[in-house]
Amino acid sequence: PIVIKPFNTTAMSYKREYHKRISIPYDGYVTYTYPASQSGGTGSVRYSGVAHEDVQVNILVDTDPFDDSVKGCNHHVDALTGSVVATEAAQVKSIREKGRQIGDTVV
């Protein structure tokens, strides 16, 4: 089934509109008869023309699920960045402490 949701204009979803006039030429003949009370007979009439129809197609693409997954990735990247910064700080602290210990031992 097709689910129609309100279009979210604040997200990265997008809308495309296409307009076109379609023209279809036609032609042919119509044969007719009329009764004998009117002198009877047959005939034909040629017809031709162009039929026009304006067509509009609106395409709405809902990217909300993708947008939500990007937000989730951003959260994980931020958490990873925080972990890297914390690890680097702990490494710098450890190097300083070990350097002091070595210095105290040598002196």
N, C-alpha and C. Protein backbone atom coordinates (compact mmCIF):
# COMPACT_ATOMS: atom_id res chain seq x y z
N PRO A 1 0.83 -1.20 0.00
CA PRO A 1 0.00 0.00 0.00
C PRO A 1 0.87 1.25 0.00
N ILE A 2 0.35 2.29 -0.57
CA ILE A 2 1.05 3.57 -0.61
C ILE A 2 0.67 4.36 0.64
N VAL A 3 1.69 4.83 1.35
CA VAL A 3 1.46 5.62 2.56
C VAL A 3 1.77 7.07 2.22
N ILE A 4 0.80 7.94 2.44
CA ILE A 4 1.00 9.35 2.17
C ILE A 4 1.18 10.07 3.50
N LYS A 5 2.36 10.67 3.66
CA LYS A 5 2.66 11.42 4.87
C LYS A 5 2.73 12.90 4.52
N PRO A 6 2.54 13.78 5.50
CA PRO A 6 2.75 15.20 5.22
C PRO A 6 4.18 15.43 4.76
N PHE A 7 4.35 16.32 3.82
CA PHE A 7 5.68 16.60 3.28
C PHE A 7 6.45 17.44 4.28
N ASN A 8 7.61 16.95 4.70
CA ASN A 8 8.45 17.63 5.68
C ASN A 8 9.34 18.64 4.96
N THR A 9 9.02 19.92 5.10
CA THR A 9 9.78 20.94 4.38
C THR A 9 11.05 21.34 5.12
N THR A 10 11.22 20.91 6.36
CA THR A 10 12.42 21.29 7.12
C THR A 10 13.55 20.31 6.91
N ALA A 11 13.26 19.12 6.41
CA ALA A 11 14.31 18.12 6.20
C ALA A 11 14.90 18.29 4.81
N MET A 12 15.75 17.35 4.45
CA MET A 12 16.41 17.40 3.16
C MET A 12 15.53 16.80 2.06
N SER A 13 14.30 16.41 2.37
CA SER A 13 13.40 15.87 1.37
C SER A 13 13.23 16.87 0.24
N TYR A 14 12.83 16.39 -0.91
CA TYR A 14 12.71 17.31 -2.02
C TYR A 14 11.49 17.01 -2.87
N LYS A 15 11.14 18.00 -3.67
CA LYS A 15 9.97 17.92 -4.52
C LYS A 15 10.37 18.35 -5.93
N ARG A 16 9.89 17.64 -6.92
CA ARG A 16 10.11 18.00 -8.32
C ARG A 16 8.76 18.08 -9.01
N GLU A 17 8.59 19.09 -9.83
CA GLU A 17 7.35 19.25 -10.58
C GLU A 17 7.67 19.28 -12.07
N TYR A 18 6.88 18.56 -12.82
CA TYR A 18 7.04 18.54 -14.27
C TYR A 18 5.70 18.88 -14.91
N HIS A 19 5.75 19.77 -15.89
CA HIS A 19 4.55 20.18 -16.62
C HIS A 19 4.81 19.95 -18.11
N LYS A 20 3.80 19.42 -18.79
CA LYS A 20 3.95 19.23 -20.23
C LYS A 20 2.57 19.24 -20.86
N ARG A 21 2.52 19.82 -22.04
CA ARG A 21 1.30 19.77 -22.83
C ARG A 21 1.49 18.68 -23.88
N ILE A 22 0.59 17.73 -23.88
CA ILE A 22 0.65 16.64 -24.85
C ILE A 22 -0.34 16.97 -25.97
N SER A 23 0.14 16.87 -27.19
CA SER A 23 -0.70 17.13 -28.37
C SER A 23 -0.78 15.86 -29.20
N ILE A 24 -2.02 15.45 -29.51
CA ILE A 24 -2.22 14.23 -30.29
C ILE A 24 -3.08 14.57 -31.51
N PRO A 25 -2.48 14.46 -32.69
CA PRO A 25 -3.28 14.71 -33.90
C PRO A 25 -4.21 13.53 -34.19
N TYR A 26 -5.34 13.83 -34.75
CA TYR A 26 -6.29 12.78 -35.14
C TYR A 26 -6.93 13.16 -36.48
N ASP A 27 -7.34 12.16 -37.21
CA ASP A 27 -8.10 12.39 -38.44
C ASP A 27 -8.78 11.10 -38.86
N GLY A 28 -9.78 11.23 -39.71
CA GLY A 28 -10.50 10.06 -40.19
C GLY A 28 -11.72 10.47 -40.98
N TYR A 29 -12.55 9.49 -41.27
CA TYR A 29 -13.80 9.70 -42.00
C TYR A 29 -14.94 9.07 -41.23
N VAL A 30 -16.09 9.68 -41.33
CA VAL A 30 -17.31 9.12 -40.77
C VAL A 30 -18.27 8.89 -41.93
N THR A 31 -18.77 7.69 -42.05
CA THR A 31 -19.75 7.37 -43.08
C THR A 31 -21.13 7.43 -42.45
N TYR A 32 -22.06 7.97 -43.19
CA TYR A 32 -23.42 8.10 -42.67
C TYR A 32 -24.42 7.66 -43.75
N THR A 33 -25.60 7.32 -43.27
CA THR A 33 -26.72 6.99 -44.17
C THR A 33 -27.95 7.73 -43.66
N TYR A 34 -28.84 8.01 -44.55
CA TYR A 34 -30.10 8.60 -44.13
C TYR A 34 -31.23 7.88 -44.86
N PRO A 35 -32.39 7.86 -44.21
CA PRO A 35 -33.48 7.02 -44.71
C PRO A 35 -34.05 7.51 -46.06
N ALA A 36 -34.75 6.60 -46.68
CA ALA A 36 -35.34 6.86 -48.00
C ALA A 36 -36.37 7.99 -47.96
N SER A 37 -37.03 8.20 -46.81
CA SER A 37 -38.03 9.27 -46.72
C SER A 37 -37.41 10.64 -46.96
N GLN A 38 -36.11 10.72 -46.85
CA GLN A 38 -35.39 11.97 -47.13
C GLN A 38 -34.58 11.82 -48.41
N SER A 39 -35.07 11.15 -49.36
CA SER A 39 -34.43 10.86 -50.64
C SER A 39 -33.35 9.79 -50.49
N GLY A 40 -33.12 9.30 -49.32
CA GLY A 40 -32.18 8.21 -49.09
C GLY A 40 -30.78 8.48 -49.58
N GLY A 41 -29.83 7.80 -49.00
CA GLY A 41 -28.47 7.95 -49.47
C GLY A 41 -27.44 7.71 -48.40
N THR A 42 -26.20 7.84 -48.82
CA THR A 42 -25.06 7.69 -47.92
C THR A 42 -24.05 8.78 -48.24
N GLY A 43 -23.14 8.96 -47.37
CA GLY A 43 -22.07 9.93 -47.57
C GLY A 43 -20.98 9.74 -46.53
N SER A 44 -19.98 10.53 -46.64
CA SER A 44 -18.91 10.48 -45.64
C SER A 44 -18.39 11.89 -45.41
N VAL A 45 -17.87 12.08 -44.24
CA VAL A 45 -17.31 13.38 -43.85
C VAL A 45 -15.93 13.13 -43.26
N ARG A 46 -14.99 13.93 -43.69
CA ARG A 46 -13.63 13.85 -43.14
C ARG A 46 -13.54 14.76 -41.92
N TYR A 47 -12.83 14.29 -40.92
CA TYR A 47 -12.58 15.12 -39.73
C TYR A 47 -11.09 15.06 -39.40
N SER A 48 -10.60 16.11 -38.75
CA SER A 48 -9.21 16.13 -38.31
C SER A 48 -9.05 17.22 -37.26
N GLY A 49 -7.99 17.12 -36.53
CA GLY A 49 -7.72 18.11 -35.49
C GLY A 49 -6.57 17.66 -34.60
N VAL A 50 -6.39 18.40 -33.57
CA VAL A 50 -5.35 18.08 -32.58
C VAL A 50 -5.97 18.20 -31.20
N ALA A 51 -5.84 17.14 -30.41
CA ALA A 51 -6.31 17.16 -29.03
C ALA A 51 -5.13 17.52 -28.13
N HIS A 52 -5.38 18.40 -27.18
CA HIS A 52 -4.34 18.84 -26.25
C HIS A 52 -4.73 18.44 -24.83
N GLU A 53 -3.74 18.03 -24.09
CA GLU A 53 -3.96 17.71 -22.67
C GLU A 53 -2.75 18.21 -21.89
N ASP A 54 -3.01 19.00 -20.87
CA ASP A 54 -1.94 19.47 -19.99
C ASP A 54 -1.75 18.45 -18.87
N VAL A 55 -0.51 18.03 -18.68
CA VAL A 55 -0.20 17.01 -17.68
C VAL A 55 0.77 17.61 -16.67
N GLN A 56 0.48 17.40 -15.41
CA GLN A 56 1.38 17.84 -14.34
C GLN A 56 1.70 16.64 -13.47
N VAL A 57 3.00 16.42 -13.23
CA VAL A 57 3.45 15.32 -12.37
C VAL A 57 4.25 15.94 -11.24
N ASN A 58 3.85 15.64 -10.01
CA ASN A 58 4.57 16.11 -8.82
C ASN A 58 5.20 14.90 -8.15
N ILE A 59 6.50 14.97 -7.93
CA ILE A 59 7.21 13.88 -7.27
C ILE A 59 7.74 14.39 -5.94
N LEU A 60 7.31 13.76 -4.87
CA LEU A 60 7.78 14.10 -3.53
C LEU A 60 8.64 12.94 -3.04
N VAL A 61 9.88 13.23 -2.68
CA VAL A 61 10.79 12.20 -2.19
C VAL A 61 11.02 12.46 -0.70
N ASP A 62 10.61 11.51 0.11
CA ASP A 62 10.77 11.61 1.56
C ASP A 62 12.11 11.00 1.94
N THR A 63 13.05 11.85 2.34
CA THR A 63 14.37 11.36 2.74
C THR A 63 14.52 11.29 4.26
N ASP A 64 13.41 11.38 4.97
CA ASP A 64 13.47 11.36 6.43
C ASP A 64 14.22 10.14 6.99
N PRO A 65 13.95 8.91 6.51
CA PRO A 65 14.70 7.77 7.05
C PRO A 65 16.22 7.92 6.86
N PHE A 66 16.62 8.38 5.68
CA PHE A 66 18.05 8.59 5.43
C PHE A 66 18.58 9.71 6.33
N ASP A 67 17.84 10.81 6.43
CA ASP A 67 18.26 11.92 7.29
C ASP A 67 18.45 11.46 8.73
N ASP A 68 17.52 10.62 9.20
CA ASP A 68 17.63 10.10 10.57
C ASP A 68 18.88 9.23 10.74
N SER A 69 19.20 8.43 9.72
CA SER A 69 20.39 7.58 9.84
C SER A 69 21.66 8.43 9.83
N VAL A 70 21.66 9.53 9.08
CA VAL A 70 22.82 10.44 9.09
C VAL A 70 22.98 11.06 10.47
N LYS A 71 21.87 11.45 11.07
CA LYS A 71 21.94 12.00 12.43
C LYS A 71 22.52 10.98 13.39
N GLY A 72 22.11 9.70 13.24
CA GLY A 72 22.66 8.64 14.09
C GLY A 72 24.15 8.47 13.88
N CYS A 73 24.59 8.54 12.63
CA CYS A 73 26.04 8.45 12.34
C CYS A 73 26.78 9.63 12.95
N ASN A 74 26.20 10.81 12.86
CA ASN A 74 26.83 11.99 13.46
C ASN A 74 27.04 11.79 14.96
N HIS A 75 26.04 11.21 15.61
CA HIS A 75 26.15 10.96 17.06
C HIS A 75 27.30 9.99 17.33
N HIS A 76 27.40 8.92 16.53
CA HIS A 76 28.47 7.94 16.74
C HIS A 76 29.84 8.53 16.44
N VAL A 77 29.93 9.37 15.41
CA VAL A 77 31.20 10.02 15.08
C VAL A 77 31.61 10.96 16.22
N ASP A 78 30.65 11.70 16.76
CA ASP A 78 30.96 12.58 17.89
C ASP A 78 31.47 11.78 19.10
N ALA A 79 30.82 10.64 19.36
CA ALA A 79 31.25 9.80 20.48
C ALA A 79 32.65 9.25 20.22
N LEU A 80 32.93 8.84 18.99
CA LEU A 80 34.26 8.33 18.65
C LEU A 80 35.30 9.43 18.79
N THR A 81 34.98 10.63 18.34
CA THR A 81 35.91 11.76 18.48
C THR A 81 36.22 12.02 19.95
N GLY A 82 35.20 11.97 20.78
CA GLY A 82 35.42 12.15 22.22
C GLY A 82 36.32 11.08 22.80
N SER A 83 36.15 9.84 22.34
CA SER A 83 37.00 8.74 22.81
C SER A 83 38.44 8.93 22.38
N VAL A 84 38.66 9.36 21.16
CA VAL A 84 40.01 9.59 20.66
C VAL A 84 40.69 10.70 21.47
N VAL A 85 39.97 11.78 21.72
CA VAL A 85 40.53 12.89 22.50
C VAL A 85 40.87 12.42 23.91
N ALA A 86 39.98 11.65 24.53
CA ALA A 86 40.23 11.15 25.89
C ALA A 86 41.44 10.21 25.90
N THR A 87 41.55 9.34 24.90
CA THR A 87 42.69 8.42 24.83
C THR A 87 44.00 9.18 24.65
N GLU A 88 43.99 10.19 23.80
CA GLU A 88 45.19 10.99 23.58
C GLU A 88 45.60 11.71 24.87
N ALA A 89 44.63 12.26 25.59
CA ALA A 89 44.93 12.95 26.85
C ALA A 89 45.52 11.97 27.86
N ALA A 90 44.97 10.76 27.93
CA ALA A 90 45.49 9.76 28.87
C ALA A 90 46.91 9.35 28.47
N GLN A 91 47.17 9.25 27.18
CA GLN A 91 48.52 8.88 26.72
C GLN A 91 49.52 9.98 27.07
N VAL A 92 49.16 11.22 26.85
CA VAL A 92 50.06 12.34 27.19
C VAL A 92 50.34 12.35 28.69
N LYS A 93 49.30 12.14 29.49
CA LYS A 93 49.47 12.11 30.94
C LYS A 93 50.40 10.97 31.35
N SER A 94 50.21 9.79 30.75
CA SER A 94 51.04 8.63 31.08
C SER A 94 52.50 8.87 30.69
N ILE A 95 52.73 9.48 29.53
CA ILE A 95 54.10 9.76 29.10
C ILE A 95 54.77 10.73 30.07
N ARG A 96 54.05 11.75 30.51
CA ARG A 96 54.61 12.71 31.48
C ARG A 96 54.96 12.01 32.80
N GLU A 97 54.02 11.19 33.28
CA GLU A 97 54.26 10.50 34.56
C GLU A 97 55.46 9.54 34.46
N LYS A 98 55.53 8.79 33.38
CA LYS A 98 56.66 7.87 33.21
C LYS A 98 57.97 8.64 33.05
N GLY A 99 57.91 9.78 32.37
CA GLY A 99 59.10 10.62 32.23
C GLY A 99 59.58 11.12 33.59
N ARG A 100 58.66 11.51 34.46
CA ARG A 100 59.03 11.97 35.81
C ARG A 100 59.62 10.82 36.63
N GLN A 101 59.00 9.65 36.51
CA GLN A 101 59.51 8.48 37.25
C GLN A 101 60.93 8.14 36.82
N ILE A 102 61.14 8.18 35.51
CA ILE A 102 62.50 7.89 35.02
C ILE A 102 63.47 8.95 35.50
N GLY A 103 63.02 10.22 35.44
CA GLY A 103 63.89 11.31 35.91
C GLY A 103 64.20 11.18 37.38
N ASP A 104 63.21 10.82 38.19
CA ASP A 104 63.45 10.67 39.62
C ASP A 104 64.38 9.50 39.90
N THR A 105 64.33 8.45 39.11
CA THR A 105 65.16 7.28 39.30
C THR A 105 66.61 7.58 38.93
N VAL A 106 66.79 8.33 37.87
CA VAL A 106 68.14 8.65 37.39
C VAL A 106 68.82 9.62 38.37
N VAL A 107 68.13 10.54 38.90
CA VAL A 107 68.73 11.56 39.76
C VAL A 107 69.04 11.01 41.08
